C-alpha atoms as a PDB file:
ATOM      1  CA  UNK A   1      49.276   2.085  39.008  1.00  0.00           C
ATOM      2  CA  UNK A   2      52.589   3.772  38.256  1.00  0.00           C
ATOM      3  CA  UNK A   3      53.499   4.597  34.672  1.00  0.00           C
ATOM      4  CA  UNK A   4      56.905   5.003  32.996  1.00  0.00           C
ATOM      5  CA  UNK A   5      58.307   8.533  32.851  1.00  0.00           C
ATOM      6  CA  UNK A   6      57.221   9.727  29.431  1.00  0.00           C
ATOM      7  CA  UNK A   7      57.837  13.370  30.372  1.00  0.00           C
ATOM      8  CA  UNK A   8      61.558  12.721  30.717  1.00  0.00           C
ATOM      9  CA  UNK A   9      61.689  11.052  27.310  1.00  0.00           C
ATOM     10  CA  UNK A  10      59.806  13.921  25.663  1.00  0.00           C
ATOM     11  CA  UNK A  11      62.136  16.413  27.334  1.00  0.00           C
ATOM     12  CA  UNK A  12      65.197  14.576  26.045  1.00  0.00           C
ATOM     13  CA  UNK A  13      63.814  14.522  22.495  1.00  0.00           C
ATOM     14  CA  UNK A  14      63.077  18.249  22.698  1.00  0.00           C
ATOM     15  CA  UNK A  15      66.632  18.943  23.879  1.00  0.00           C
ATOM     16  CA  UNK A  16      68.096  16.976  20.966  1.00  0.00           C
ATOM     17  CA  UNK A  17      65.837  18.710  18.434  1.00  0.00           C
ATOM     18  CA  UNK A  18      66.647  22.128  19.883  1.00  0.00           C
ATOM     19  CA  UNK A  19      70.387  21.468  19.733  1.00  0.00           C
ATOM     20  CA  UNK A  20      70.162  20.260  16.143  1.00  0.00           C
ATOM     21  CA  UNK A  21      68.054  23.236  14.999  1.00  0.00           C
ATOM     22  CA  UNK A  22      70.348  25.792  16.602  1.00  0.00           C
ATOM     23  CA  UNK A  23      73.539  24.130  15.421  1.00  0.00           C
ATOM     24  CA  UNK A  24      74.541  23.072  18.940  1.00  0.00           C
ATOM     25  CA  UNK A  25      76.025  19.795  19.971  1.00  0.00           C
ATOM     26  CA  UNK A  26      74.192  16.915  21.548  1.00  0.00           C
ATOM     27  CA  UNK A  27      75.699  15.315  24.636  1.00  0.00           C
ATOM     28  CA  UNK A  28      74.315  12.910  27.190  1.00  0.00           C
ATOM     29  CA  UNK A  29      73.799  15.870  29.520  1.00  0.00           C
ATOM     30  CA  UNK A  30      72.065  17.927  26.826  1.00  0.00           C
ATOM     31  CA  UNK A  31      69.757  15.074  25.952  1.00  0.00           C
ATOM     32  CA  UNK A  32      68.986  14.295  29.586  1.00  0.00           C
ATOM     33  CA  UNK A  33      70.076  10.707  29.051  1.00  0.00           C
ATOM     34  CA  UNK A  34      70.543   8.439  32.020  1.00  0.00           C
ATOM     35  CA  UNK A  35      73.937   6.801  32.590  1.00  0.00           C
ATOM     36  CA  UNK A  36      74.587   3.694  30.513  1.00  0.00           C
ATOM     37  CA  UNK A  37      74.259   1.450  33.583  1.00  0.00           C
ATOM     38  CA  UNK A  38      70.479   2.001  33.674  1.00  0.00           C
ATOM     39  CA  UNK A  39      68.670  -0.633  31.639  1.00  0.00           C
ATOM     40  CA  UNK A  40      65.017  -1.496  31.163  1.00  0.00           C
ATOM     41  CA  UNK A  41      62.926  -4.344  32.518  1.00  0.00           C
ATOM     42  CA  UNK A  42      59.335  -5.287  31.807  1.00  0.00           C
ATOM     43  CA  UNK A  43      57.048  -5.325  34.816  1.00  0.00           C
ATOM     44  CA  UNK A  44      56.111  -8.889  33.899  1.00  0.00           C
ATOM     45  CA  UNK A  45      59.802  -9.927  34.108  1.00  0.00           C
ATOM     46  CA  UNK A  46      60.226  -8.736  37.699  1.00  0.00           C
ATOM     47  CA  UNK A  47      60.241 -11.334  40.473  1.00  0.00           C
ATOM     48  CA  UNK A  48      56.877 -11.708  42.216  1.00  0.00           C
ATOM     49  CA  UNK A  49      58.338 -10.140  45.359  1.00  0.00           C
ATOM     50  CA  UNK A  50      59.012  -6.915  43.396  1.00  0.00           C
ATOM     51  CA  UNK A  51      55.350  -6.883  42.304  1.00  0.00           C
ATOM     52  CA  UNK A  52      54.404  -7.116  45.973  1.00  0.00           C
ATOM     53  CA  UNK A  53      56.755  -4.235  46.873  1.00  0.00           C
ATOM     54  CA  UNK A  54      55.318  -2.050  44.092  1.00  0.00           C
ATOM     55  CA  UNK A  55      51.810  -2.820  45.362  1.00  0.00           C
ATOM     56  CA  UNK A  56      52.842  -1.782  48.885  1.00  0.00           C
ATOM     57  CA  UNK A  57      54.349   1.456  47.538  1.00  0.00           C
ATOM     58  CA  UNK A  58      51.125   2.212  45.692  1.00  0.00           C
ATOM     59  CA  UNK A  59      49.085   1.616  48.865  1.00  0.00           C
ATOM     60  CA  UNK A  60      51.503   3.512  51.116  1.00  0.00           C
ATOM     61  CA  UNK A  61      52.481   0.432  53.143  1.00  0.00           C
ATOM     62  CA  UNK A  62      52.731  -1.119  55.604  1.00  0.00           C
ATOM     63  CA  UNK A  63      56.316  -2.009  54.762  1.00  0.00           C
ATOM     64  CA  UNK A  64      58.265  -4.942  56.214  1.00  0.00           C
ATOM     65  CA  UNK A  65      61.383  -2.939  57.178  1.00  0.00           C
ATOM     66  CA  UNK A  66      61.807   0.358  59.012  1.00  0.00           C
ATOM     67  CA  UNK A  67      64.253   1.508  56.303  1.00  0.00           C
ATOM     68  CA  UNK A  68      61.603   1.214  53.560  1.00  0.00           C
ATOM     69  CA  UNK A  69      60.679   4.634  52.210  1.00  0.00           C
ATOM     70  CA  UNK A  70      63.994   6.178  53.252  1.00  0.00           C
ATOM     71  CA  UNK A  71      65.616   8.710  50.954  1.00  0.00           C
ATOM     72  CA  UNK A  72      67.960   7.056  48.451  1.00  0.00           C
ATOM     73  CA  UNK A  73      71.072   9.232  48.062  1.00  0.00           C
ATOM     74  CA  UNK A  74      72.206   7.954  44.624  1.00  0.00           C
ATOM     75  CA  UNK A  75      75.813   8.007  45.873  1.00  0.00           C
ATOM     76  CA  UNK A  76      76.755   5.583  43.093  1.00  0.00           C
ATOM     77  CA  UNK A  77      75.670   8.184  40.527  1.00  0.00           C
ATOM     78  CA  UNK A  78      74.012   5.569  38.344  1.00  0.00           C
ATOM     79  CA  UNK A  79      70.510   7.028  38.350  1.00  0.00           C
ATOM     80  CA  UNK A  80      69.852  10.405  36.716  1.00  0.00           C
ATOM     81  CA  UNK A  81      71.018  13.259  38.930  1.00  0.00           C
ATOM     82  CA  UNK A  82      68.153  14.806  40.914  1.00  0.00           C
ATOM     83  CA  UNK A  83      67.824  17.023  43.966  1.00  0.00           C
ATOM     84  CA  UNK A  84      68.153  15.493  47.434  1.00  0.00           C
ATOM     85  CA  UNK A  85      65.074  13.646  48.581  1.00  0.00           C
ATOM     86  CA  UNK A  86      63.880  12.863  45.052  1.00  0.00           C
ATOM     87  CA  UNK A  87      64.515   9.097  45.249  1.00  0.00           C
ATOM     88  CA  UNK A  88      63.221   6.665  47.898  1.00  0.00           C
ATOM     89  CA  UNK A  89      64.141   3.013  48.376  1.00  0.00           C
ATOM     90  CA  UNK A  90      62.108  -0.048  49.296  1.00  0.00           C
ATOM     91  CA  UNK A  91      63.119  -3.630  50.064  1.00  0.00           C
ATOM     92  CA  UNK A  92      62.232  -6.437  47.683  1.00  0.00           C
ATOM     93  CA  UNK A  93      62.111  -9.553  49.856  1.00  0.00           C
ATOM     94  CA  UNK A  94      64.621 -12.243  48.909  1.00  0.00           C
ATOM     95  CA  UNK A  95      63.246 -15.701  49.763  1.00  0.00           C
ATOM     96  CA  UNK A  96      65.521 -17.611  52.115  1.00  0.00           C
ATOM     97  CA  UNK A  97      67.559 -14.540  53.090  1.00  0.00           C
ATOM     98  CA  UNK A  98      67.945 -13.785  56.792  1.00  0.00           C
ATOM     99  CA  UNK A  99      68.669 -10.115  55.981  1.00  0.00           C
ATOM    100  CA  UNK A 100      67.052  -7.493  53.755  1.00  0.00           C
ATOM    101  CA  UNK A 101      69.067  -8.939  50.875  1.00  0.00           C
ATOM    102  CA  UNK A 102      70.305  -7.001  47.841  1.00  0.00           C
ATOM    103  CA  UNK A 103      67.078  -6.376  45.932  1.00  0.00           C
ATOM    104  CA  UNK A 104      65.393  -2.968  46.011  1.00  0.00           C
ATOM    105  CA  UNK A 105      62.887  -0.779  44.227  1.00  0.00           C
ATOM    106  CA  UNK A 106      63.976   2.859  44.029  1.00  0.00           C
ATOM    107  CA  UNK A 107      61.264   5.347  43.139  1.00  0.00           C
ATOM    108  CA  UNK A 108      61.470   8.832  41.692  1.00  0.00           C
ATOM    109  CA  UNK A 109      58.350  10.783  42.531  1.00  0.00           C
ATOM    110  CA  UNK A 110      58.183  13.643  40.005  1.00  0.00           C
ATOM    111  CA  UNK A 111      58.058  11.414  36.936  1.00  0.00           C
ATOM    112  CA  UNK A 112      56.781   8.412  38.907  1.00  0.00           C
ATOM    113  CA  UNK A 113      59.589   6.186  37.720  1.00  0.00           C
ATOM    114  CA  UNK A 114      60.471   2.894  39.386  1.00  0.00           C
ATOM    115  CA  UNK A 115      63.929   1.347  39.218  1.00  0.00           C
ATOM    116  CA  UNK A 116      64.763  -2.248  40.171  1.00  0.00           C
ATOM    117  CA  UNK A 117      68.148  -3.383  41.406  1.00  0.00           C
ATOM    118  CA  UNK A 118      68.982  -7.004  42.173  1.00  0.00           C
ATOM    119  CA  UNK A 119      72.597  -6.272  43.126  1.00  0.00           C
ATOM    120  CA  UNK A 120      72.359  -3.611  45.863  1.00  0.00           C
ATOM    121  CA  UNK A 121      72.726  -0.531  43.659  1.00  0.00           C
ATOM    122  CA  UNK A 122      75.497  -1.792  41.329  1.00  0.00           C
ATOM    123  CA  UNK A 123      73.031  -1.575  38.424  1.00  0.00           C
ATOM    124  CA  UNK A 124      69.455  -0.472  37.866  1.00  0.00           C
ATOM    125  CA  UNK A 125      66.654  -1.238  35.420  1.00  0.00           C
ATOM    126  CA  UNK A 126      63.832   1.208  34.762  1.00  0.00           C
ATOM    127  CA  UNK A 127      60.555  -0.699  35.168  1.00  0.00           C
ATOM    128  CA  UNK A 128      58.337  -0.570  32.099  1.00  0.00           C
ATOM    129  CA  UNK A 129      54.798  -0.982  33.438  1.00  0.00           C
ATOM    130  CA  UNK A 130      53.424  -1.381  29.906  1.00  0.00           C
ATOM    131  CA  UNK A 131      54.785  -4.866  29.261  1.00  0.00           C
END
């Protein structure tokens, strides 16, 4: 089971505390905050197809599309900036669609975070596996 990235949250809190104690300023970059377009979603609120995709990711496949597991470039700049190859994308099946559709899970391996997008990367929600 994947867990939400608590390390990133602790790091952001430490950056804020450090800036306050040293008289520095706190900015989104200093605090390590993600862009405003990243929201949160409870695991239980995801569509059942996203649960299936997360299960496949956990098992290492097999995946329904050859593109699944490909490096996600984050060209939109919505997710937190990371080095190349950090993020990978996986298809969330859309019932009735004759194509891959717009829904994806994007994973970040270091902190084991999972992001869900229902609108082909226009917005993302960090999956909270605890609810």
